[in-house]
Amino acid sequence: MLFNLTIIFGCQLAGETLVRLFALPLPGPVLGMALLFAGLLVFGLPDDFRRTGEVLTSNLSLLFVPAGVGVMLHGRLISADWLPIGVALVSSTFITIAVTALVMRRMGRSAATDGEEG
């Protein structure tokens, strides 16, 4: 499991490094996740890697502690701009729900037509 965590965090470090080196306009962890995904596509998914992912997701709530502390620490800044933050949160939530519904509808139709052909 330690080896798998080293791979995961190594990909994140590589993503952060590439973003800073080339001044890319995206978060380093996102690029690191893309690197990890590409590596898994090329080399396959080891059996014990799945267990590492399960352990990480079962303890996912711990990863939100720093974000919660940041919100509490910068409460005054957030309260100064509560309206734009609130509008962004509500609108992005509705957009996400709408896009998810459209994708599910389209996937449901294609699955139904695939079932009819076979």
C-alpha atoms as a PDB file:
ATOM      1  CA  MET A   1       0.000   0.000   0.000  1.00  0.00           C
ATOM      2  CA  LEU A   2       2.892   2.356   0.738  1.00  0.00           C
ATOM      3  CA  PHE A   3       4.242   1.832  -2.778  1.00  0.00           C
ATOM      4  CA  ASN A   4       0.835   2.673  -4.265  1.00  0.00           C
ATOM      5  CA  LEU A   5       0.535   5.828  -2.178  1.00  0.00           C
ATOM      6  CA  THR A   6       4.021   6.795  -3.355  1.00  0.00           C
ATOM      7  CA  ILE A   7       2.837   6.421  -6.960  1.00  0.00           C
ATOM      8  CA  ILE A   8      -0.262   8.531  -6.305  1.00  0.00           C
ATOM      9  CA  PHE A   9       1.593  11.308  -4.527  1.00  0.00           C
ATOM     10  CA  GLY A  10       4.432  11.108  -7.041  1.00  0.00           C
ATOM     11  CA  CYS A  11       1.950  11.769  -9.842  1.00  0.00           C
ATOM     12  CA  GLN A  12       0.579  14.725  -7.897  1.00  0.00           C
ATOM     13  CA  LEU A  13       4.106  16.049  -7.383  1.00  0.00           C
ATOM     14  CA  ALA A  14       4.863  15.597 -11.083  1.00  0.00           C
ATOM     15  CA  GLY A  15       1.681  17.491 -11.945  1.00  0.00           C
ATOM     16  CA  GLU A  16       2.562  20.342  -9.592  1.00  0.00           C
ATOM     17  CA  THR A  17       6.082  20.470 -10.997  1.00  0.00           C
ATOM     18  CA  LEU A  18       4.915  20.574 -14.622  1.00  0.00           C
ATOM     19  CA  VAL A  19       2.350  23.284 -13.870  1.00  0.00           C
ATOM     20  CA  ARG A  20       4.948  25.480 -12.198  1.00  0.00           C
ATOM     21  CA  LEU A  21       7.653  24.783 -14.793  1.00  0.00           C
ATOM     22  CA  PHE A  22       5.485  25.573 -17.804  1.00  0.00           C
ATOM     23  CA  ALA A  23       3.103  28.059 -16.106  1.00  0.00           C
ATOM     24  CA  LEU A  24       0.101  25.967 -17.138  1.00  0.00           C
ATOM     25  CA  PRO A  25      -3.355  27.389 -16.351  1.00  0.00           C
ATOM     26  CA  LEU A  26      -4.649  24.358 -14.427  1.00  0.00           C
ATOM     27  CA  PRO A  27      -4.193  22.936 -10.936  1.00  0.00           C
ATOM     28  CA  GLY A  28      -1.230  20.654 -10.422  1.00  0.00           C
ATOM     29  CA  PRO A  29      -3.277  17.865  -8.786  1.00  0.00           C
ATOM     30  CA  VAL A  30      -5.547  17.761 -11.847  1.00  0.00           C
ATOM     31  CA  LEU A  31      -2.567  17.272 -14.141  1.00  0.00           C
ATOM     32  CA  GLY A  32      -1.193  14.710 -11.700  1.00  0.00           C
ATOM     33  CA  MET A  33      -4.486  12.840 -11.814  1.00  0.00           C
ATOM     34  CA  ALA A  34      -4.325  12.849 -15.621  1.00  0.00           C
ATOM     35  CA  LEU A  35      -0.774  11.468 -15.441  1.00  0.00           C
ATOM     36  CA  LEU A  36      -1.930   8.757 -13.043  1.00  0.00           C
ATOM     37  CA  PHE A  37      -4.837   7.895 -15.340  1.00  0.00           C
ATOM     38  CA  ALA A  38      -2.528   7.676 -18.349  1.00  0.00           C
ATOM     39  CA  GLY A  39      -0.156   5.453 -16.402  1.00  0.00           C
ATOM     40  CA  LEU A  40      -2.985   3.152 -15.375  1.00  0.00           C
ATOM     41  CA  LEU A  41      -4.153   2.941 -18.989  1.00  0.00           C
ATOM     42  CA  VAL A  42      -0.670   2.017 -20.175  1.00  0.00           C
ATOM     43  CA  PHE A  43       0.400  -0.327 -17.376  1.00  0.00           C
ATOM     44  CA  GLY A  44      -2.988  -1.587 -16.151  1.00  0.00           C
ATOM     45  CA  LEU A  45      -4.509  -1.560 -12.684  1.00  0.00           C
ATOM     46  CA  PRO A  46      -2.668  -3.710 -10.136  1.00  0.00           C
ATOM     47  CA  ASP A  47      -4.916  -5.642  -7.738  1.00  0.00           C
ATOM     48  CA  ASP A  48      -3.552  -4.000  -4.608  1.00  0.00           C
ATOM     49  CA  PHE A  49      -3.974  -0.520  -6.143  1.00  0.00           C
ATOM     50  CA  ARG A  50      -7.748  -0.951  -5.881  1.00  0.00           C
ATOM     51  CA  ARG A  51      -7.420  -1.580  -2.131  1.00  0.00           C
ATOM     52  CA  THR A  52      -5.382   1.611  -1.731  1.00  0.00           C
ATOM     53  CA  GLY A  53      -8.112   3.583  -3.510  1.00  0.00           C
ATOM     54  CA  GLU A  54     -10.766   2.061  -1.253  1.00  0.00           C
ATOM     55  CA  VAL A  55      -8.816   3.070   1.855  1.00  0.00           C
ATOM     56  CA  LEU A  56      -8.418   6.628   0.532  1.00  0.00           C
ATOM     57  CA  THR A  57     -12.109   6.996  -0.315  1.00  0.00           C
ATOM     58  CA  SER A  58     -13.224   5.515   2.999  1.00  0.00           C
ATOM     59  CA  ASN A  59     -11.225   8.256   4.759  1.00  0.00           C
ATOM     60  CA  LEU A  60     -12.164  10.995   2.295  1.00  0.00           C
ATOM     61  CA  SER A  61     -13.765  13.153   4.973  1.00  0.00           C
ATOM     62  CA  LEU A  62     -10.317  13.739   6.503  1.00  0.00           C
ATOM     63  CA  LEU A  63      -9.210  15.383   3.274  1.00  0.00           C
ATOM     64  CA  PHE A  64     -11.878  18.062   3.705  1.00  0.00           C
ATOM     65  CA  VAL A  65     -10.522  19.210   7.088  1.00  0.00           C
ATOM     66  CA  PRO A  66      -7.968  21.661   5.590  1.00  0.00           C
ATOM     67  CA  ALA A  67     -10.684  23.198   3.390  1.00  0.00           C
ATOM     68  CA  GLY A  68     -12.975  23.586   6.386  1.00  0.00           C
ATOM     69  CA  VAL A  69     -10.189  25.207   8.396  1.00  0.00           C
ATOM     70  CA  GLY A  70      -9.525  27.580   5.482  1.00  0.00           C
ATOM     71  CA  VAL A  71     -13.194  28.594   5.377  1.00  0.00           C
ATOM     72  CA  MET A  72     -13.182  29.254   9.119  1.00  0.00           C
ATOM     73  CA  LEU A  73      -9.865  31.096   8.957  1.00  0.00           C
ATOM     74  CA  HIS A  74     -10.982  33.380   6.117  1.00  0.00           C
ATOM     75  CA  GLY A  75     -14.564  33.891   7.275  1.00  0.00           C
ATOM     76  CA  ARG A  76     -14.299  37.675   7.030  1.00  0.00           C
ATOM     77  CA  LEU A  77     -13.165  37.536   3.401  1.00  0.00           C
ATOM     78  CA  ILE A  78     -15.981  35.150   2.556  1.00  0.00           C
ATOM     79  CA  SER A  79     -18.577  37.254   4.351  1.00  0.00           C
ATOM     80  CA  ALA A  80     -17.449  40.306   2.391  1.00  0.00           C
ATOM     81  CA  ASP A  81     -18.223  38.551  -0.898  1.00  0.00           C
ATOM     82  CA  TRP A  82     -21.055  36.266   0.194  1.00  0.00           C
ATOM     83  CA  LEU A  83     -23.399  37.174  -2.674  1.00  0.00           C
ATOM     84  CA  PRO A  84     -21.097  36.279  -5.615  1.00  0.00           C
ATOM     85  CA  ILE A  85     -19.938  33.162  -3.782  1.00  0.00           C
ATOM     86  CA  GLY A  86     -23.525  32.112  -3.096  1.00  0.00           C
ATOM     87  CA  VAL A  87     -24.625  32.757  -6.686  1.00  0.00           C
ATOM     88  CA  ALA A  88     -21.642  30.781  -8.005  1.00  0.00           C
ATOM     89  CA  LEU A  89     -22.368  27.862  -5.683  1.00  0.00           C
ATOM     90  CA  VAL A  90     -26.085  27.700  -6.440  1.00  0.00           C
ATOM     91  CA  SER A  91     -25.722  28.190 -10.194  1.00  0.00           C
ATOM     92  CA  SER A  92     -22.887  25.659 -10.502  1.00  0.00           C
ATOM     93  CA  THR A  93     -24.958  23.147  -8.541  1.00  0.00           C
ATOM     94  CA  PHE A  94     -27.938  23.573 -10.872  1.00  0.00           C
ATOM     95  CA  ILE A  95     -25.709  23.413 -13.964  1.00  0.00           C
ATOM     96  CA  THR A  96     -24.108  20.219 -12.674  1.00  0.00           C
ATOM     97  CA  ILE A  97     -27.492  18.637 -11.997  1.00  0.00           C
ATOM     98  CA  ALA A  98     -28.765  19.622 -15.457  1.00  0.00           C
ATOM     99  CA  VAL A  99     -25.686  18.325 -17.280  1.00  0.00           C
ATOM    100  CA  THR A 100     -25.795  15.075 -15.303  1.00  0.00           C
ATOM    101  CA  ALA A 101     -29.471  14.622 -16.184  1.00  0.00           C
ATOM    102  CA  LEU A 102     -28.788  15.231 -19.883  1.00  0.00           C
ATOM    103  CA  VAL A 103     -25.878  12.800 -19.923  1.00  0.00           C
ATOM    104  CA  MET A 104     -27.910  10.141 -18.124  1.00  0.00           C
ATOM    105  CA  ARG A 105     -30.818  10.641 -20.508  1.00  0.00           C
ATOM    106  CA  ARG A 106     -28.545  10.266 -23.525  1.00  0.00           C
ATOM    107  CA  MET A 107     -26.800   7.238 -22.038  1.00  0.00           C
ATOM    108  CA  GLY A 108     -30.156   5.662 -21.241  1.00  0.00           C
ATOM    109  CA  ARG A 109     -31.292   6.087 -24.825  1.00  0.00           C
ATOM    110  CA  SER A 110     -28.089   4.626 -26.258  1.00  0.00           C
ATOM    111  CA  ALA A 111     -28.267   1.678 -23.852  1.00  0.00           C
ATOM    112  CA  ALA A 112     -31.881   1.057 -24.890  1.00  0.00           C
ATOM    113  CA  THR A 113     -31.004   1.113 -28.591  1.00  0.00           C
ATOM    114  CA  ASP A 114     -27.997  -1.167 -27.985  1.00  0.00           C
ATOM    115  CA  GLY A 115     -30.290  -3.637 -26.244  1.00  0.00           C
ATOM    116  CA  GLU A 116     -32.754  -3.644 -29.126  1.00  0.00           C
ATOM    117  CA  GLU A 117     -30.068  -4.383 -31.717  1.00  0.00           C
ATOM    118  CA  GLY A 118     -28.670  -7.424 -29.877  1.00  0.00           C
END
